[in-house]
Amino acid sequence: MNTQKKQSSDLCLESPDKETIFVSIPKNASSFVSDWLIENGWISRRINSTDPKYVALVLRDPVDRWCSGIAQYIQGLGIQINEYTSAMDKIIFDVVDRFDDHTWPQHVFYEGVFPNRPKMLFRTDLDLQHTLKQHFRLQPPHTQNYNCSAHNIDKKQTIDYFKQQLQNPVLLDKIKQAHAQDYAFMDKAEFIHFTPKADK
């Protein structure tokens, strides 16, 4: 697997009190969260120039993330869903995590970042926007929607195609095996979660 990181992966966002850094992981609401934190005074810094007490991460179900990531990669090549062939599928599922950073396992983005410092862990599917707002006392974001794929019909069709392919347990197992380390970490992790109060 080619996991040579891009230059941007050496960067983080540092909280105003300098106690926490946020390490962005592609396909994990990264653009939305980064923009929102910057709106609230967080500053882009090189990781090696910080000395945080905590490392904040947003994680995502690996299979769900892979479907979104491979769809973005393929769409970037200009390939449409009606152009897929069985040969293309075979290549994709033989090398599931060897494309760009949207399909790499999540642990490659954070495992070398202050590994002995406590982590603040959030999940995209655990009321992410509300939880971040409550935990970091953030002002409301300028944009209320971080699921850009929902508004991209071609990408959504590609994501749905791969989710359908993963009804095949053999193919599903290939994805899970390629991201086994992520699953192992997430299975034992304690995630921060604030449940929104029901409207009265």
N, C-alpha and C. Protein backbone atom coordinates (compact mmCIF):
# COMPACT_ATOMS: atom_id res chain seq x y z
N MET A 1 0.84 -1.20 0.00
CA MET A 1 0.00 0.00 0.00
C MET A 1 0.87 1.24 0.00
N ASN A 2 0.60 2.17 -0.90
CA ASN A 2 1.32 3.42 -0.96
C ASN A 2 0.68 4.41 0.00
N THR A 3 1.34 4.66 1.10
CA THR A 3 0.80 5.60 2.08
C THR A 3 1.76 6.76 2.30
N GLN A 4 2.42 7.18 1.24
CA GLN A 4 3.24 8.37 1.33
C GLN A 4 2.33 9.57 1.51
N LYS A 5 2.44 10.22 2.64
CA LYS A 5 1.49 11.27 2.96
C LYS A 5 1.73 12.53 2.14
N LYS A 6 0.65 13.23 1.86
CA LYS A 6 0.76 14.53 1.24
C LYS A 6 1.31 15.53 2.24
N GLN A 7 1.82 16.64 1.72
CA GLN A 7 2.38 17.66 2.59
C GLN A 7 1.34 18.16 3.58
N SER A 8 0.07 18.24 3.16
CA SER A 8 -0.97 18.76 4.04
C SER A 8 -1.17 17.89 5.27
N SER A 9 -0.78 16.61 5.19
CA SER A 9 -0.98 15.73 6.34
C SER A 9 0.02 16.00 7.45
N ASP A 10 0.99 16.89 7.22
CA ASP A 10 1.90 17.32 8.27
C ASP A 10 1.32 18.50 9.04
N LEU A 11 0.12 18.92 8.64
CA LEU A 11 -0.52 20.07 9.26
C LEU A 11 -1.64 19.63 10.19
N CYS A 12 -1.99 20.52 11.10
CA CYS A 12 -3.11 20.28 12.00
C CYS A 12 -3.77 21.62 12.27
N LEU A 13 -4.84 21.60 13.03
CA LEU A 13 -5.44 22.83 13.53
C LEU A 13 -5.24 22.86 15.05
N GLU A 14 -4.76 23.97 15.54
CA GLU A 14 -4.49 24.12 16.96
C GLU A 14 -5.55 24.99 17.61
N SER A 15 -6.06 24.55 18.75
CA SER A 15 -7.11 25.29 19.46
C SER A 15 -6.56 26.61 19.99
N PRO A 16 -7.45 27.57 20.23
CA PRO A 16 -6.99 28.88 20.74
C PRO A 16 -6.19 28.78 22.03
N ASP A 17 -6.50 27.80 22.89
CA ASP A 17 -5.75 27.66 24.14
C ASP A 17 -4.51 26.79 23.98
N LYS A 18 -4.27 26.30 22.75
CA LYS A 18 -3.10 25.49 22.39
C LYS A 18 -3.07 24.12 23.07
N GLU A 19 -4.18 23.73 23.71
CA GLU A 19 -4.19 22.45 24.41
C GLU A 19 -4.56 21.27 23.51
N THR A 20 -5.21 21.55 22.38
CA THR A 20 -5.72 20.47 21.52
C THR A 20 -5.35 20.75 20.07
N ILE A 21 -4.97 19.69 19.36
CA ILE A 21 -4.82 19.80 17.91
C ILE A 21 -5.82 18.85 17.26
N PHE A 22 -6.34 19.28 16.12
CA PHE A 22 -7.24 18.46 15.33
C PHE A 22 -6.48 17.97 14.10
N VAL A 23 -6.43 16.64 13.94
CA VAL A 23 -5.76 16.03 12.79
C VAL A 23 -6.84 15.57 11.81
N SER A 24 -6.80 16.13 10.62
CA SER A 24 -7.82 15.87 9.61
C SER A 24 -7.56 14.54 8.90
N ILE A 25 -8.64 13.78 8.68
CA ILE A 25 -8.59 12.52 7.93
C ILE A 25 -9.54 12.64 6.75
N PRO A 26 -9.05 12.48 5.52
CA PRO A 26 -9.92 12.62 4.34
C PRO A 26 -11.16 11.73 4.42
N LYS A 27 -12.27 12.26 3.95
CA LYS A 27 -13.58 11.58 3.90
C LYS A 27 -14.25 11.45 5.26
N ASN A 28 -13.74 12.13 6.27
CA ASN A 28 -14.33 12.08 7.60
C ASN A 28 -14.86 13.46 7.99
N ALA A 29 -15.67 14.04 7.10
CA ALA A 29 -16.19 15.41 7.30
C ALA A 29 -15.06 16.39 7.52
N SER A 30 -13.91 16.12 6.91
CA SER A 30 -12.69 16.88 7.22
C SER A 30 -12.79 18.34 6.80
N SER A 31 -13.33 18.62 5.61
CA SER A 31 -13.42 20.01 5.16
C SER A 31 -14.39 20.79 6.03
N PHE A 32 -15.54 20.18 6.32
CA PHE A 32 -16.54 20.86 7.15
C PHE A 32 -15.98 21.16 8.54
N VAL A 33 -15.39 20.16 9.19
CA VAL A 33 -14.88 20.36 10.54
C VAL A 33 -13.74 21.37 10.55
N SER A 34 -12.82 21.26 9.59
CA SER A 34 -11.70 22.20 9.54
C SER A 34 -12.18 23.63 9.36
N ASP A 35 -13.09 23.83 8.42
CA ASP A 35 -13.61 25.19 8.19
C ASP A 35 -14.30 25.72 9.44
N TRP A 36 -15.06 24.85 10.11
CA TRP A 36 -15.79 25.27 11.30
C TRP A 36 -14.84 25.65 12.44
N LEU A 37 -13.81 24.85 12.63
CA LEU A 37 -12.85 25.16 13.70
C LEU A 37 -12.12 26.47 13.40
N ILE A 38 -11.75 26.68 12.14
CA ILE A 38 -11.08 27.93 11.77
C ILE A 38 -11.99 29.12 12.04
N GLU A 39 -13.29 28.96 11.76
CA GLU A 39 -14.26 30.03 12.07
C GLU A 39 -14.26 30.35 13.56
N ASN A 40 -13.87 29.38 14.38
CA ASN A 40 -13.87 29.55 15.84
C ASN A 40 -12.48 29.80 16.41
N GLY A 41 -11.57 30.23 15.56
CA GLY A 41 -10.27 30.69 16.06
C GLY A 41 -9.16 29.66 16.10
N TRP A 42 -9.40 28.45 15.59
CA TRP A 42 -8.34 27.46 15.51
C TRP A 42 -7.39 27.86 14.38
N ILE A 43 -6.12 27.57 14.54
CA ILE A 43 -5.10 28.03 13.60
C ILE A 43 -4.36 26.85 12.98
N SER A 44 -4.11 26.93 11.68
CA SER A 44 -3.34 25.89 10.99
C SER A 44 -1.87 25.97 11.41
N ARG A 45 -1.35 24.82 11.84
CA ARG A 45 0.05 24.76 12.28
C ARG A 45 0.67 23.46 11.78
N ARG A 46 2.00 23.45 11.69
CA ARG A 46 2.68 22.19 11.45
C ARG A 46 2.62 21.38 12.74
N ILE A 47 2.35 20.11 12.60
CA ILE A 47 2.20 19.27 13.79
C ILE A 47 3.43 19.33 14.68
N ASN A 48 4.61 19.30 14.06
CA ASN A 48 5.84 19.26 14.86
C ASN A 48 6.18 20.60 15.52
N SER A 49 5.35 21.62 15.29
CA SER A 49 5.57 22.90 15.96
C SER A 49 4.58 23.09 17.11
N THR A 50 3.81 22.06 17.42
CA THR A 50 2.82 22.14 18.50
C THR A 50 3.23 21.25 19.67
N ASP A 51 2.61 21.48 20.80
CA ASP A 51 2.86 20.67 21.99
C ASP A 51 1.53 20.49 22.74
N PRO A 52 0.61 19.73 22.15
CA PRO A 52 -0.75 19.66 22.70
C PRO A 52 -0.86 18.70 23.88
N LYS A 53 -1.91 18.91 24.66
CA LYS A 53 -2.28 17.93 25.68
C LYS A 53 -3.13 16.82 25.07
N TYR A 54 -3.90 17.18 24.01
CA TYR A 54 -4.84 16.24 23.41
C TYR A 54 -4.75 16.28 21.88
N VAL A 55 -5.05 15.12 21.27
CA VAL A 55 -5.14 15.02 19.82
C VAL A 55 -6.58 14.65 19.48
N ALA A 56 -7.27 15.51 18.73
CA ALA A 56 -8.67 15.27 18.37
C ALA A 56 -8.75 14.66 16.97
N LEU A 57 -9.61 13.64 16.84
CA LEU A 57 -9.79 12.93 15.58
C LEU A 57 -11.27 12.70 15.33
N VAL A 58 -11.67 12.76 14.08
CA VAL A 58 -13.00 12.32 13.67
C VAL A 58 -12.82 11.05 12.85
N LEU A 59 -13.43 9.96 13.31
CA LEU A 59 -13.32 8.67 12.62
C LEU A 59 -14.65 8.30 11.98
N ARG A 60 -14.57 7.34 11.07
CA ARG A 60 -15.75 6.94 10.30
C ARG A 60 -15.73 5.45 10.09
N ASP A 61 -16.90 4.83 9.99
CA ASP A 61 -16.95 3.40 9.69
C ASP A 61 -16.10 3.14 8.44
N PRO A 62 -15.11 2.24 8.51
CA PRO A 62 -14.18 2.05 7.40
C PRO A 62 -14.82 1.65 6.07
N VAL A 63 -15.84 0.80 6.09
CA VAL A 63 -16.48 0.40 4.83
C VAL A 63 -17.23 1.58 4.23
N ASP A 64 -17.96 2.31 5.05
CA ASP A 64 -18.70 3.48 4.57
C ASP A 64 -17.74 4.51 3.99
N ARG A 65 -16.63 4.72 4.69
CA ARG A 65 -15.62 5.68 4.22
C ARG A 65 -15.00 5.21 2.91
N TRP A 66 -14.71 3.92 2.79
CA TRP A 66 -14.09 3.41 1.56
C TRP A 66 -15.01 3.61 0.37
N CYS A 67 -16.30 3.34 0.54
CA CYS A 67 -17.25 3.52 -0.57
C CYS A 67 -17.25 4.97 -1.05
N SER A 68 -17.23 5.90 -0.11
CA SER A 68 -17.21 7.31 -0.48
C SER A 68 -15.87 7.69 -1.10
N GLY A 69 -14.79 7.15 -0.55
CA GLY A 69 -13.45 7.47 -1.04
C GLY A 69 -13.18 6.94 -2.43
N ILE A 70 -13.55 5.69 -2.69
CA ILE A 70 -13.29 5.13 -4.02
C ILE A 70 -14.18 5.80 -5.05
N ALA A 71 -15.38 6.19 -4.65
CA ALA A 71 -16.27 6.91 -5.57
C ALA A 71 -15.66 8.25 -5.97
N GLN A 72 -15.09 8.96 -5.00
CA GLN A 72 -14.46 10.24 -5.31
C GLN A 72 -13.24 10.04 -6.20
N TYR A 73 -12.47 9.00 -5.93
CA TYR A 73 -11.28 8.73 -6.74
C TYR A 73 -11.66 8.45 -8.19
N ILE A 74 -12.65 7.60 -8.37
CA ILE A 74 -13.06 7.22 -9.72
C ILE A 74 -13.70 8.40 -10.44
N GLN A 75 -14.50 9.15 -9.73
CA GLN A 75 -15.12 10.32 -10.33
C GLN A 75 -14.05 11.33 -10.78
N GLY A 76 -12.98 11.42 -9.99
CA GLY A 76 -11.88 12.31 -10.36
C GLY A 76 -11.18 11.90 -11.64
N LEU A 77 -11.27 10.61 -11.99
CA LEU A 77 -10.71 10.13 -13.24
C LEU A 77 -11.63 10.36 -14.43
N GLY A 78 -12.84 10.84 -14.13
CA GLY A 78 -13.80 11.10 -15.20
C GLY A 78 -14.53 9.88 -15.68
N ILE A 79 -14.54 8.81 -14.87
CA ILE A 79 -15.22 7.57 -15.24
C ILE A 79 -16.64 7.59 -14.71
N GLN A 80 -17.60 7.30 -15.55
CA GLN A 80 -19.01 7.29 -15.17
C GLN A 80 -19.44 5.87 -14.80
N ILE A 81 -20.51 5.79 -14.02
CA ILE A 81 -20.99 4.50 -13.53
C ILE A 81 -21.34 3.54 -14.67
N ASN A 82 -21.84 4.06 -15.79
CA ASN A 82 -22.22 3.18 -16.90
C ASN A 82 -21.03 2.72 -17.72
N GLU A 83 -19.83 3.14 -17.35
CA GLU A 83 -18.61 2.73 -18.04
C GLU A 83 -17.87 1.63 -17.30
N TYR A 84 -18.38 1.23 -16.14
CA TYR A 84 -17.71 0.20 -15.36
C TYR A 84 -17.76 -1.15 -16.07
N THR A 85 -16.73 -1.92 -15.86
CA THR A 85 -16.68 -3.28 -16.38
C THR A 85 -16.28 -4.23 -15.26
N SER A 86 -16.48 -5.51 -15.48
CA SER A 86 -16.08 -6.49 -14.47
C SER A 86 -14.58 -6.47 -14.25
N ALA A 87 -13.82 -6.14 -15.30
CA ALA A 87 -12.36 -6.07 -15.16
C ALA A 87 -11.96 -4.93 -14.23
N MET A 88 -12.66 -3.80 -14.34
CA MET A 88 -12.38 -2.67 -13.44
C MET A 88 -12.71 -3.03 -12.01
N ASP A 89 -13.81 -3.70 -11.82
CA ASP A 89 -14.17 -4.14 -10.48
C ASP A 89 -13.10 -5.04 -9.88
N LYS A 90 -12.58 -5.94 -10.69
CA LYS A 90 -11.57 -6.88 -10.19
C LYS A 90 -10.32 -6.13 -9.74
N ILE A 91 -9.91 -5.14 -10.54
CA ILE A 91 -8.73 -4.35 -10.15
C ILE A 91 -8.99 -3.62 -8.84
N ILE A 92 -10.16 -2.97 -8.74
CA ILE A 92 -10.47 -2.19 -7.55
C ILE A 92 -10.50 -3.08 -6.30
N PHE A 93 -11.13 -4.23 -6.38
CA PHE A 93 -11.26 -5.06 -5.19
C PHE A 93 -10.02 -5.90 -4.91
N ASP A 94 -9.09 -5.94 -5.87
CA ASP A 94 -7.81 -6.61 -5.60
C ASP A 94 -6.84 -5.68 -4.89
N VAL A 95 -7.00 -4.39 -5.07
CA VAL A 95 -6.09 -3.40 -4.47
C VAL A 95 -6.91 -2.32 -3.78
N VAL A 96 -7.72 -2.71 -2.83
CA VAL A 96 -8.75 -1.83 -2.28
C VAL A 96 -8.21 -0.56 -1.63
N ASP A 97 -6.99 -0.60 -1.09
CA ASP A 97 -6.49 0.56 -0.35
C ASP A 97 -5.21 1.12 -0.96
N ARG A 98 -5.05 0.93 -2.26
CA ARG A 98 -3.81 1.39 -2.90
C ARG A 98 -4.06 2.52 -3.90
N PHE A 99 -5.10 3.26 -3.69
CA PHE A 99 -5.40 4.36 -4.59
C PHE A 99 -4.87 5.65 -3.95
N ASP A 100 -5.70 6.63 -3.71
CA ASP A 100 -5.20 7.84 -3.05
C ASP A 100 -5.59 7.84 -1.58
N ASP A 101 -5.35 8.97 -0.90
CA ASP A 101 -5.54 8.98 0.55
C ASP A 101 -6.99 8.87 0.99
N HIS A 102 -7.92 8.97 0.06
CA HIS A 102 -9.33 8.78 0.41
C HIS A 102 -9.65 7.32 0.71
N THR A 103 -8.79 6.41 0.28
CA THR A 103 -9.04 4.98 0.52
C THR A 103 -8.02 4.36 1.47
N TRP A 104 -7.02 5.13 1.90
CA TRP A 104 -6.04 4.58 2.84
C TRP A 104 -6.72 4.32 4.19
N PRO A 105 -6.23 3.37 4.95
CA PRO A 105 -6.74 3.19 6.32
C PRO A 105 -6.57 4.47 7.13
N GLN A 106 -7.47 4.68 8.05
CA GLN A 106 -7.46 5.94 8.82
C GLN A 106 -6.27 6.05 9.76
N HIS A 107 -5.78 4.92 10.25
CA HIS A 107 -4.72 4.98 11.25
C HIS A 107 -3.43 5.58 10.71
N VAL A 108 -3.21 5.54 9.39
CA VAL A 108 -1.96 6.08 8.85
C VAL A 108 -1.88 7.59 9.03
N PHE A 109 -3.01 8.24 9.26
CA PHE A 109 -3.02 9.69 9.39
C PHE A 109 -2.72 10.16 10.80
N TYR A 110 -2.86 9.29 11.80
CA TYR A 110 -2.70 9.76 13.17
C TYR A 110 -1.76 8.93 14.03
N GLU A 111 -1.37 7.73 13.59
CA GLU A 111 -0.63 6.85 14.48
C GLU A 111 0.72 7.41 14.90
N GLY A 112 1.31 8.27 14.08
CA GLY A 112 2.59 8.86 14.44
C GLY A 112 2.49 10.23 15.06
N VAL A 113 1.27 10.68 15.33
CA VAL A 113 1.06 12.03 15.87
C VAL A 113 0.90 11.96 17.39
N PHE A 114 1.94 12.33 18.10
CA PHE A 114 1.92 12.31 19.57
C PHE A 114 1.21 11.04 20.08
N PRO A 115 1.77 9.87 19.78
CA PRO A 115 1.08 8.61 20.09
C PRO A 115 0.80 8.40 21.58
N ASN A 116 1.54 9.08 22.45
CA ASN A 116 1.35 8.88 23.89
C ASN A 116 0.47 9.95 24.53
N ARG A 117 -0.07 10.86 23.72
CA ARG A 117 -0.98 11.87 24.25
C ARG A 117 -2.43 11.36 24.17
N PRO A 118 -3.27 11.74 25.11
CA PRO A 118 -4.69 11.31 25.06
C PRO A 118 -5.37 11.80 23.79
N LYS A 119 -6.27 10.96 23.29
CA LYS A 119 -7.01 11.31 22.08
C LYS A 119 -8.46 11.66 22.42
N MET A 120 -8.96 12.69 21.75
CA MET A 120 -10.38 13.01 21.79
C MET A 120 -10.98 12.42 20.53
N LEU A 121 -11.85 11.44 20.67
CA LEU A 121 -12.35 10.71 19.51
C LEU A 121 -13.82 11.01 19.26
N PHE A 122 -14.13 11.31 18.00
CA PHE A 122 -15.49 11.58 17.56
C PHE A 122 -15.79 10.69 16.36
N ARG A 123 -17.06 10.41 16.12
CA ARG A 123 -17.47 9.62 14.97
C ARG A 123 -18.43 10.41 14.10
N THR A 124 -18.32 10.21 12.80
CA THR A 124 -19.21 10.93 11.89
C THR A 124 -20.67 10.55 12.09
N ASP A 125 -20.93 9.35 12.60
CA ASP A 125 -22.31 8.87 12.75
C ASP A 125 -22.82 8.98 14.19
N LEU A 126 -22.14 9.74 15.03
CA LEU A 126 -22.60 9.95 16.40
C LEU A 126 -22.86 11.44 16.64
N ASP A 127 -23.90 11.96 15.97
CA ASP A 127 -24.30 13.35 16.16
C ASP A 127 -23.09 14.28 16.13
N LEU A 128 -22.29 14.16 15.08
CA LEU A 128 -21.00 14.84 15.02
C LEU A 128 -21.11 16.35 15.23
N GLN A 129 -22.00 17.00 14.49
CA GLN A 129 -22.07 18.46 14.57
C GLN A 129 -22.46 18.91 15.97
N HIS A 130 -23.47 18.29 16.53
CA HIS A 130 -23.90 18.66 17.89
C HIS A 130 -22.80 18.35 18.91
N THR A 131 -22.16 17.21 18.77
CA THR A 131 -21.13 16.80 19.72
C THR A 131 -19.93 17.75 19.70
N LEU A 132 -19.47 18.11 18.51
CA LEU A 132 -18.35 19.05 18.43
C LEU A 132 -18.73 20.41 19.00
N LYS A 133 -19.94 20.85 18.69
CA LYS A 133 -20.39 22.15 19.19
C LYS A 133 -20.40 22.17 20.72
N GLN A 134 -20.90 21.11 21.33
CA GLN A 134 -20.98 21.05 22.79
C GLN A 134 -19.60 20.88 23.41
N HIS A 135 -18.80 20.00 22.85
CA HIS A 135 -17.52 19.67 23.49
C HIS A 135 -16.54 20.84 23.43
N PHE A 136 -16.47 21.50 22.27
CA PHE A 136 -15.51 22.59 22.11
C PHE A 136 -16.14 23.97 22.28
N ARG A 137 -17.42 24.01 22.64
CA ARG A 137 -18.14 25.28 22.83
C ARG A 137 -18.02 26.16 21.58
N LEU A 138 -18.34 25.57 20.43
CA LEU A 138 -18.21 26.26 19.16
C LEU A 138 -19.44 27.10 18.85
N GLN A 139 -19.20 28.19 18.15
CA GLN A 139 -20.31 28.95 17.58
C GLN A 139 -20.86 28.15 16.39
N PRO A 140 -22.15 28.32 16.07
CA PRO A 140 -22.73 27.55 14.96
C PRO A 140 -21.93 27.76 13.67
N PRO A 141 -21.81 26.70 12.86
CA PRO A 141 -21.05 26.83 11.60
C PRO A 141 -21.79 27.67 10.58
N HIS A 142 -21.03 28.25 9.66
CA HIS A 142 -21.65 29.05 8.59
C HIS A 142 -22.43 28.16 7.64
N THR A 143 -21.97 26.92 7.48
CA THR A 143 -22.71 25.96 6.67
C THR A 143 -23.26 24.88 7.57
N GLN A 144 -24.48 24.44 7.31
CA GLN A 144 -25.13 23.46 8.18
C GLN A 144 -25.03 22.03 7.65
N ASN A 145 -24.38 21.85 6.51
CA ASN A 145 -24.37 20.52 5.90
C ASN A 145 -22.95 20.10 5.56
N TYR A 146 -22.50 18.98 6.11
CA TYR A 146 -21.16 18.50 5.79
C TYR A 146 -21.19 17.26 4.90
N ASN A 147 -22.36 16.82 4.47
CA ASN A 147 -22.45 15.66 3.59
C ASN A 147 -22.56 16.13 2.14
N CYS A 148 -21.41 16.49 1.55
CA CYS A 148 -21.41 17.03 0.19
C CYS A 148 -21.85 16.00 -0.83
N SER A 149 -21.64 14.72 -0.56
CA SER A 149 -21.99 13.67 -1.52
C SER A 149 -23.49 13.63 -1.79
N ALA A 150 -24.25 14.05 -0.79
CA ALA A 150 -25.71 14.00 -0.95
C ALA A 150 -26.18 14.92 -2.06
N HIS A 151 -25.37 15.91 -2.42
CA HIS A 151 -25.76 16.88 -3.45
C HIS A 151 -25.06 16.62 -4.78
N ASN A 152 -24.27 15.57 -4.84
CA ASN A 152 -23.57 15.21 -6.07
C ASN A 152 -24.17 13.91 -6.58
N ILE A 153 -25.07 14.01 -7.56
CA ILE A 153 -25.84 12.85 -7.99
C ILE A 153 -24.94 11.76 -8.55
N ASP A 154 -23.97 12.14 -9.40
CA ASP A 154 -23.08 11.14 -9.99
C ASP A 154 -22.29 10.40 -8.92
N LYS A 155 -21.78 11.15 -7.95
CA LYS A 155 -21.01 10.51 -6.89
C LYS A 155 -21.89 9.61 -6.03
N LYS A 156 -23.09 10.07 -5.74
CA LYS A 156 -24.01 9.26 -4.94
C LYS A 156 -24.33 7.95 -5.67
N GLN A 157 -24.50 8.01 -6.98
CA GLN A 157 -24.77 6.79 -7.74
C GLN A 157 -23.58 5.84 -7.69
N THR A 158 -22.38 6.40 -7.73
CA THR A 158 -21.17 5.57 -7.65
C THR A 158 -21.05 4.93 -6.27
N ILE A 159 -21.32 5.71 -5.23
CA ILE A 159 -21.29 5.16 -3.86
C ILE A 159 -22.31 4.03 -3.73
N ASP A 160 -23.52 4.26 -4.24
CA ASP A 160 -24.56 3.23 -4.16
C ASP A 160 -24.14 1.98 -4.92
N TYR A 161 -23.45 2.17 -6.04
CA TYR A 161 -22.97 1.01 -6.82
C TYR A 161 -22.03 0.15 -5.98
N PHE A 162 -21.07 0.78 -5.32
CA PHE A 162 -20.12 0.01 -4.52
C PHE A 162 -20.77 -0.60 -3.29
N LYS A 163 -21.72 0.09 -2.69
CA LYS A 163 -22.44 -0.50 -1.56
C LYS A 163 -23.21 -1.75 -2.01
N GLN A 164 -23.75 -1.69 -3.22
CA GLN A 164 -24.44 -2.85 -3.76
C GLN A 164 -23.46 -4.00 -4.01
N GLN A 165 -22.28 -3.68 -4.53
CA GLN A 165 -21.27 -4.70 -4.75
C GLN A 165 -20.86 -5.37 -3.45
N LEU A 166 -20.87 -4.62 -2.38
CA LEU A 166 -20.44 -5.14 -1.09
C LEU A 166 -21.51 -6.00 -0.41
N GLN A 167 -22.62 -6.21 -1.09
CA GLN A 167 -23.56 -7.23 -0.62
C GLN A 167 -22.94 -8.61 -0.78
N ASN A 168 -21.93 -8.69 -1.63
CA ASN A 168 -21.15 -9.93 -1.80
C ASN A 168 -20.22 -10.06 -0.60
N PRO A 169 -20.39 -11.07 0.25
CA PRO A 169 -19.59 -11.16 1.47
C PRO A 169 -18.09 -11.32 1.22
N VAL A 170 -17.72 -11.88 0.08
CA VAL A 170 -16.29 -12.03 -0.23
C VAL A 170 -15.66 -10.67 -0.45
N LEU A 171 -16.34 -9.81 -1.22
CA LEU A 171 -15.82 -8.48 -1.47
C LEU A 171 -15.83 -7.63 -0.20
N LEU A 172 -16.90 -7.77 0.58
CA LEU A 172 -16.99 -7.02 1.84
C LEU A 172 -15.84 -7.39 2.76
N ASP A 173 -15.52 -8.68 2.81
CA ASP A 173 -14.43 -9.13 3.68
C ASP A 173 -13.09 -8.55 3.23
N LYS A 174 -12.90 -8.35 1.92
CA LYS A 174 -11.66 -7.76 1.44
C LYS A 174 -11.48 -6.34 1.98
N ILE A 175 -12.58 -5.58 1.98
CA ILE A 175 -12.50 -4.22 2.50
C ILE A 175 -12.22 -4.25 4.00
N LYS A 176 -12.92 -5.11 4.71
CA LYS A 176 -12.73 -5.17 6.16
C LYS A 176 -11.33 -5.63 6.54
N GLN A 177 -10.79 -6.57 5.78
CA GLN A 177 -9.43 -7.04 6.07
C GLN A 177 -8.40 -5.94 5.82
N ALA A 178 -8.61 -5.17 4.75
CA ALA A 178 -7.68 -4.09 4.43
C ALA A 178 -7.70 -3.00 5.50
N HIS A 179 -8.81 -2.90 6.23
CA HIS A 179 -8.96 -1.87 7.26
C HIS A 179 -9.13 -2.49 8.65
N ALA A 180 -8.55 -3.66 8.82
CA ALA A 180 -8.70 -4.39 10.08
C ALA A 180 -8.15 -3.61 11.27
N GLN A 181 -7.05 -2.90 11.07
CA GLN A 181 -6.47 -2.13 12.17
C GLN A 181 -7.39 -1.00 12.60
N ASP A 182 -8.06 -0.39 11.63
CA ASP A 182 -9.03 0.66 11.99
C ASP A 182 -10.18 0.08 12.80
N TYR A 183 -10.70 -1.06 12.37
CA TYR A 183 -11.80 -1.67 13.11
C TYR A 183 -11.37 -2.06 14.52
N ALA A 184 -10.17 -2.60 14.66
CA ALA A 184 -9.69 -3.01 15.98
C ALA A 184 -9.59 -1.81 16.91
N PHE A 185 -9.10 -0.69 16.38
CA PHE A 185 -8.97 0.51 17.20
C PHE A 185 -10.33 1.06 17.59
N MET A 186 -11.25 1.14 16.61
CA MET A 186 -12.55 1.72 16.87
C MET A 186 -13.40 0.85 17.80
N ASP A 187 -13.22 -0.46 17.72
CA ASP A 187 -14.00 -1.37 18.56
C ASP A 187 -13.72 -1.16 20.05
N LYS A 188 -12.50 -0.75 20.38
CA LYS A 188 -12.16 -0.58 21.80
C LYS A 188 -12.10 0.89 22.22
N ALA A 189 -12.35 1.79 21.27
CA ALA A 189 -12.24 3.22 21.56
C ALA A 189 -13.45 3.75 22.31
N GLU A 190 -13.24 4.79 23.08
CA GLU A 190 -14.32 5.50 23.76
C GLU A 190 -14.53 6.82 23.03
N PHE A 191 -15.69 6.95 22.41
CA PHE A 191 -15.99 8.14 21.61
C PHE A 191 -16.77 9.16 22.43
N ILE A 192 -16.46 10.41 22.20
CA ILE A 192 -17.20 11.50 22.82
C ILE A 192 -18.51 11.66 22.06
N HIS A 193 -19.61 11.73 22.79
CA HIS A 193 -20.92 11.81 22.14
C HIS A 193 -21.90 12.58 23.02
N PHE A 194 -22.42 13.66 22.48
CA PHE A 194 -23.48 14.41 23.13
C PHE A 194 -24.76 14.19 22.33
N THR A 195 -25.77 13.65 22.97
CA THR A 195 -27.05 13.40 22.28
C THR A 195 -27.91 14.65 22.29
N PRO A 196 -28.37 15.09 21.11
CA PRO A 196 -29.23 16.29 21.09
C PRO A 196 -30.50 16.05 21.90
N LYS A 197 -30.95 17.09 22.58
CA LYS A 197 -32.20 16.99 23.34
C LYS A 197 -33.37 17.01 22.38
N ALA A 198 -34.36 16.19 22.66
CA ALA A 198 -35.55 16.14 21.81
C ALA A 198 -36.32 17.45 21.94
N ASP A 199 -36.87 17.90 20.83
CA ASP A 199 -37.70 19.11 20.85
C ASP A 199 -38.95 18.87 21.67
N LYS A 200 -39.29 19.82 22.51
CA LYS A 200 -40.48 19.68 23.34
C LYS A 200 -41.70 20.22 22.62
